[in-house]
Amino acid sequence: MTHYQVTAVYWPEGWEPNSPCDVPNCVRRIQEQLGDEKLSYEKALTTAKALNRQCMDRPGADWYVVVEVEDQPHQQTVVRDASGKETTQEVHRFHVVRPDDTGRGDCSHCPANTFPCAEDDASSEEQTTTISRVRSAGDEGDG
């Protein structure tokens, strides 16, 4: 089972989007850690479009993409210290989604436009994120 999230990626120098759903090919690593928010694909896509429309009007350092995250952790580690505090770290697999009928934007002004990333779809490579939860002794549920 999977869910979706919206996350910021850096805006590549010289890259210009053609639509608010474009995903630059050179996106390999997400710039921020993913959170716990679980969205439907439609909600995540609508959110990314709205944020990116604003970015197209006032370009900045960020661009937003939809990521598909596996609900089940790929790896989980639980550590309990002497005080009873429990720290759970879960590694989840995810990948950047390229919505149907969208492109990769225009890389022609990028200083690296002759590199393979200008041609390949590197953005769909699988990545991982670590989510940490801390629970003190006596807490009920996740903290």
Foldseek 3Di string as FASTA:
>chain_A
DKFKAKAKAFDAPQFAFPALLAAALPPADGPDFDDDDGHHPVVRSVVQRVVSVVCNVPPDTIHMFMKIKDPDFPDKDWDADPQGKIKIKGKIKMATDRDPPGYNTDNPGGPCCVDCSVPDRNRGDIDIHIDMWMDGPPDDDTD
